[in-house]
């Protein structure tokens, strides 16, 4: 099974691998103990983040369902027990400023829209509102 994960970084960056296959590969790489990749967690999050940033900067064309699935992937990783356990054990994960700026602005967006306390908005929602930060 480890052969499936051979060259995962190259496959995720490849223009010949379909986005469907990239998302499947990233998902299984995340959950699999058989995927040996130095700094795997950071590599996978960076790939998804860079893909979304490129899409929103209009440097990459993606179908809307792929964009949605990339956001879902990031959300699933950030809320995963696996990541929480890694963080508790002292590992650090770096979310680049481009994604953090949007997420941090979420509360300000909700306040501006008059949303009640406790409401949430995702970074994806901020992009869909067409806001620039």
C-alpha atoms as a PDB file:
ATOM      1  CA  UNK A   1       0.000   0.000   0.000  1.00  0.00           C
ATOM      2  CA  UNK A   2       2.915   2.368   0.626  1.00  0.00           C
ATOM      3  CA  UNK A   3       3.600   2.381  -3.120  1.00  0.00           C
ATOM      4  CA  UNK A   4       0.326   4.273  -3.618  1.00  0.00           C
ATOM      5  CA  UNK A   5       1.865   7.166  -1.705  1.00  0.00           C
ATOM      6  CA  UNK A   6       5.154   7.142  -3.568  1.00  0.00           C
ATOM      7  CA  UNK A   7       5.911  10.663  -4.788  1.00  0.00           C
ATOM      8  CA  UNK A   8       2.804  12.175  -3.203  1.00  0.00           C
ATOM      9  CA  UNK A   9       4.168  15.728  -3.321  1.00  0.00           C
ATOM     10  CA  UNK A  10       4.820  15.426  -7.034  1.00  0.00           C
ATOM     11  CA  UNK A  11       1.398  13.920  -7.686  1.00  0.00           C
ATOM     12  CA  UNK A  12      -0.367  16.711  -5.795  1.00  0.00           C
ATOM     13  CA  UNK A  13       1.495  19.321  -7.848  1.00  0.00           C
ATOM     14  CA  UNK A  14       1.167  17.491 -11.163  1.00  0.00           C
ATOM     15  CA  UNK A  15      -0.955  18.983 -13.925  1.00  0.00           C
ATOM     16  CA  UNK A  16      -1.627  15.504 -15.321  1.00  0.00           C
ATOM     17  CA  UNK A  17      -3.283  14.147 -12.156  1.00  0.00           C
ATOM     18  CA  UNK A  18      -6.992  14.988 -11.935  1.00  0.00           C
ATOM     19  CA  UNK A  19      -8.246  17.129  -9.060  1.00  0.00           C
ATOM     20  CA  UNK A  20     -10.530  14.292  -8.054  1.00  0.00           C
ATOM     21  CA  UNK A  21      -7.509  12.006  -7.700  1.00  0.00           C
ATOM     22  CA  UNK A  22      -5.487  14.680  -5.897  1.00  0.00           C
ATOM     23  CA  UNK A  23      -8.221  15.156  -3.323  1.00  0.00           C
ATOM     24  CA  UNK A  24      -8.552  11.405  -2.783  1.00  0.00           C
ATOM     25  CA  UNK A  25      -4.798  11.050  -2.465  1.00  0.00           C
ATOM     26  CA  UNK A  26      -4.560  13.934   0.016  1.00  0.00           C
ATOM     27  CA  UNK A  27      -7.410  12.493   2.096  1.00  0.00           C
ATOM     28  CA  UNK A  28      -5.962   9.009   2.276  1.00  0.00           C
ATOM     29  CA  UNK A  29      -2.456  10.369   2.876  1.00  0.00           C
ATOM     30  CA  UNK A  30      -3.826  12.322   5.829  1.00  0.00           C
ATOM     31  CA  UNK A  31      -5.574   9.392   7.476  1.00  0.00           C
ATOM     32  CA  UNK A  32      -3.072   6.672   6.584  1.00  0.00           C
ATOM     33  CA  UNK A  33      -0.277   5.589   8.883  1.00  0.00           C
ATOM     34  CA  UNK A  34       1.309   3.946   5.849  1.00  0.00           C
ATOM     35  CA  UNK A  35       1.989   7.263   4.151  1.00  0.00           C
ATOM     36  CA  UNK A  36       5.501   8.251   5.142  1.00  0.00           C
ATOM     37  CA  UNK A  37       6.157  11.820   4.103  1.00  0.00           C
ATOM     38  CA  UNK A  38       8.479  14.210   5.943  1.00  0.00           C
ATOM     39  CA  UNK A  39       6.372  16.910   7.618  1.00  0.00           C
ATOM     40  CA  UNK A  40       3.280  15.294   6.074  1.00  0.00           C
ATOM     41  CA  UNK A  41       0.716  17.405   7.914  1.00  0.00           C
ATOM     42  CA  UNK A  42       2.302  20.690   6.841  1.00  0.00           C
ATOM     43  CA  UNK A  43       2.823  19.497   3.260  1.00  0.00           C
ATOM     44  CA  UNK A  44      -0.830  18.491   2.875  1.00  0.00           C
ATOM     45  CA  UNK A  45      -2.216  21.688   4.404  1.00  0.00           C
ATOM     46  CA  UNK A  46       0.157  23.804   2.308  1.00  0.00           C
ATOM     47  CA  UNK A  47      -0.956  22.037  -0.867  1.00  0.00           C
ATOM     48  CA  UNK A  48      -4.642  22.727  -0.180  1.00  0.00           C
ATOM     49  CA  UNK A  49      -3.971  26.318   0.912  1.00  0.00           C
ATOM     50  CA  UNK A  50      -1.775  27.093  -2.080  1.00  0.00           C
ATOM     51  CA  UNK A  51      -4.379  25.646  -4.426  1.00  0.00           C
ATOM     52  CA  UNK A  52      -7.110  27.850  -2.968  1.00  0.00           C
ATOM     53  CA  UNK A  53      -4.949  30.967  -2.943  1.00  0.00           C
ATOM     54  CA  UNK A  54      -4.017  30.380  -6.590  1.00  0.00           C
ATOM     55  CA  UNK A  55      -7.691  29.906  -7.458  1.00  0.00           C
ATOM     56  CA  UNK A  56      -8.798  33.140  -5.760  1.00  0.00           C
ATOM     57  CA  UNK A  57      -5.922  35.058  -7.324  1.00  0.00           C
ATOM     58  CA  UNK A  58      -7.173  33.729 -10.662  1.00  0.00           C
ATOM     59  CA  UNK A  59      -3.929  31.868 -11.327  1.00  0.00           C
ATOM     60  CA  UNK A  60      -5.650  28.489 -11.313  1.00  0.00           C
ATOM     61  CA  UNK A  61      -8.944  27.398 -12.822  1.00  0.00           C
ATOM     62  CA  UNK A  62     -10.959  25.005 -10.682  1.00  0.00           C
ATOM     63  CA  UNK A  63     -14.537  23.819 -10.834  1.00  0.00           C
ATOM     64  CA  UNK A  64     -16.690  25.088  -7.992  1.00  0.00           C
ATOM     65  CA  UNK A  65     -17.143  21.594  -6.526  1.00  0.00           C
ATOM     66  CA  UNK A  66     -13.351  21.174  -6.334  1.00  0.00           C
ATOM     67  CA  UNK A  67     -13.022  24.527  -4.534  1.00  0.00           C
ATOM     68  CA  UNK A  68     -15.722  23.427  -2.094  1.00  0.00           C
ATOM     69  CA  UNK A  69     -13.956  20.117  -1.536  1.00  0.00           C
ATOM     70  CA  UNK A  70     -10.620  21.852  -0.904  1.00  0.00           C
ATOM     71  CA  UNK A  71     -12.277  24.010   1.769  1.00  0.00           C
ATOM     72  CA  UNK A  72     -13.888  20.912   3.242  1.00  0.00           C
ATOM     73  CA  UNK A  73     -10.523  19.135   3.248  1.00  0.00           C
ATOM     74  CA  UNK A  74      -8.868  22.003   5.157  1.00  0.00           C
ATOM     75  CA  UNK A  75     -11.791  22.155   7.570  1.00  0.00           C
ATOM     76  CA  UNK A  76     -11.654  18.403   8.178  1.00  0.00           C
ATOM     77  CA  UNK A  77      -7.903  18.477   8.766  1.00  0.00           C
ATOM     78  CA  UNK A  78      -8.077  21.451  11.137  1.00  0.00           C
ATOM     79  CA  UNK A  79     -10.860  19.827  13.158  1.00  0.00           C
ATOM     80  CA  UNK A  80      -9.420  16.319  13.109  1.00  0.00           C
ATOM     81  CA  UNK A  81      -8.543  14.463  16.271  1.00  0.00           C
ATOM     82  CA  UNK A  82      -5.286  13.507  14.598  1.00  0.00           C
ATOM     83  CA  UNK A  83      -4.209  17.151  14.254  1.00  0.00           C
ATOM     84  CA  UNK A  84      -5.344  17.974  17.784  1.00  0.00           C
ATOM     85  CA  UNK A  85      -3.254  15.083  19.125  1.00  0.00           C
ATOM     86  CA  UNK A  86      -0.237  16.207  17.097  1.00  0.00           C
ATOM     87  CA  UNK A  87      -0.556  19.740  18.454  1.00  0.00           C
ATOM     88  CA  UNK A  88      -0.891  18.445  22.024  1.00  0.00           C
ATOM     89  CA  UNK A  89       2.305  16.452  21.533  1.00  0.00           C
ATOM     90  CA  UNK A  90       4.177  19.651  20.660  1.00  0.00           C
ATOM     91  CA  UNK A  91       4.143  19.584  16.860  1.00  0.00           C
ATOM     92  CA  UNK A  92       3.467  22.922  15.208  1.00  0.00           C
ATOM     93  CA  UNK A  93       1.555  23.607  12.015  1.00  0.00           C
ATOM     94  CA  UNK A  94       1.925  26.876  10.152  1.00  0.00           C
ATOM     95  CA  UNK A  95      -1.078  28.406   8.418  1.00  0.00           C
ATOM     96  CA  UNK A  96       0.221  31.020   6.030  1.00  0.00           C
ATOM     97  CA  UNK A  97      -0.965  34.597   6.430  1.00  0.00           C
ATOM     98  CA  UNK A  98      -2.997  34.524   3.212  1.00  0.00           C
ATOM     99  CA  UNK A  99      -5.428  32.028   4.750  1.00  0.00           C
ATOM    100  CA  UNK A 100      -5.229  33.337   8.314  1.00  0.00           C
ATOM    101  CA  UNK A 101      -6.098  36.901   7.240  1.00  0.00           C
ATOM    102  CA  UNK A 102      -9.361  35.724   5.749  1.00  0.00           C
ATOM    103  CA  UNK A 103     -10.243  33.529   8.702  1.00  0.00           C
ATOM    104  CA  UNK A 104      -9.423  36.275  11.203  1.00  0.00           C
ATOM    105  CA  UNK A 105     -11.615  38.711   9.307  1.00  0.00           C
ATOM    106  CA  UNK A 106     -14.598  36.383   9.648  1.00  0.00           C
ATOM    107  CA  UNK A 107     -15.765  37.863  12.970  1.00  0.00           C
ATOM    108  CA  UNK A 108     -15.536  41.399  11.573  1.00  0.00           C
ATOM    109  CA  UNK A 109     -17.615  40.322   8.588  1.00  0.00           C
ATOM    110  CA  UNK A 110     -20.289  38.863  10.856  1.00  0.00           C
ATOM    111  CA  UNK A 111     -20.351  42.019  12.978  1.00  0.00           C
ATOM    112  CA  UNK A 112     -20.669  44.160   9.843  1.00  0.00           C
ATOM    113  CA  UNK A 113     -23.565  42.006   8.654  1.00  0.00           C
ATOM    114  CA  UNK A 114     -25.283  42.341  12.024  1.00  0.00           C
ATOM    115  CA  UNK A 115     -25.046  38.636  12.793  1.00  0.00           C
ATOM    116  CA  UNK A 116     -25.861  37.620  16.371  1.00  0.00           C
ATOM    117  CA  UNK A 117     -23.045  36.551  18.730  1.00  0.00           C
ATOM    118  CA  UNK A 118     -22.141  32.916  18.282  1.00  0.00           C
ATOM    119  CA  UNK A 119     -22.717  32.981  14.529  1.00  0.00           C
ATOM    120  CA  UNK A 120     -19.958  31.595  12.391  1.00  0.00           C
ATOM    121  CA  UNK A 121     -18.680  32.212   8.903  1.00  0.00           C
ATOM    122  CA  UNK A 122     -15.970  30.303   7.114  1.00  0.00           C
ATOM    123  CA  UNK A 123     -13.075  31.750   5.183  1.00  0.00           C
ATOM    124  CA  UNK A 124     -14.786  30.336   2.096  1.00  0.00           C
ATOM    125  CA  UNK A 125     -17.857  32.429   2.924  1.00  0.00           C
ATOM    126  CA  UNK A 126     -15.729  35.560   3.111  1.00  0.00           C
ATOM    127  CA  UNK A 127     -14.397  34.871  -0.376  1.00  0.00           C
ATOM    128  CA  UNK A 128     -17.908  34.258  -1.705  1.00  0.00           C
ATOM    129  CA  UNK A 129     -18.994  37.604  -0.283  1.00  0.00           C
ATOM    130  CA  UNK A 130     -16.367  39.158  -2.542  1.00  0.00           C
ATOM    131  CA  UNK A 131     -14.547  40.910   0.265  1.00  0.00           C
ATOM    132  CA  UNK A 132     -10.919  41.881  -0.176  1.00  0.00           C
ATOM    133  CA  UNK A 133      -8.624  42.143   2.781  1.00  0.00           C
END
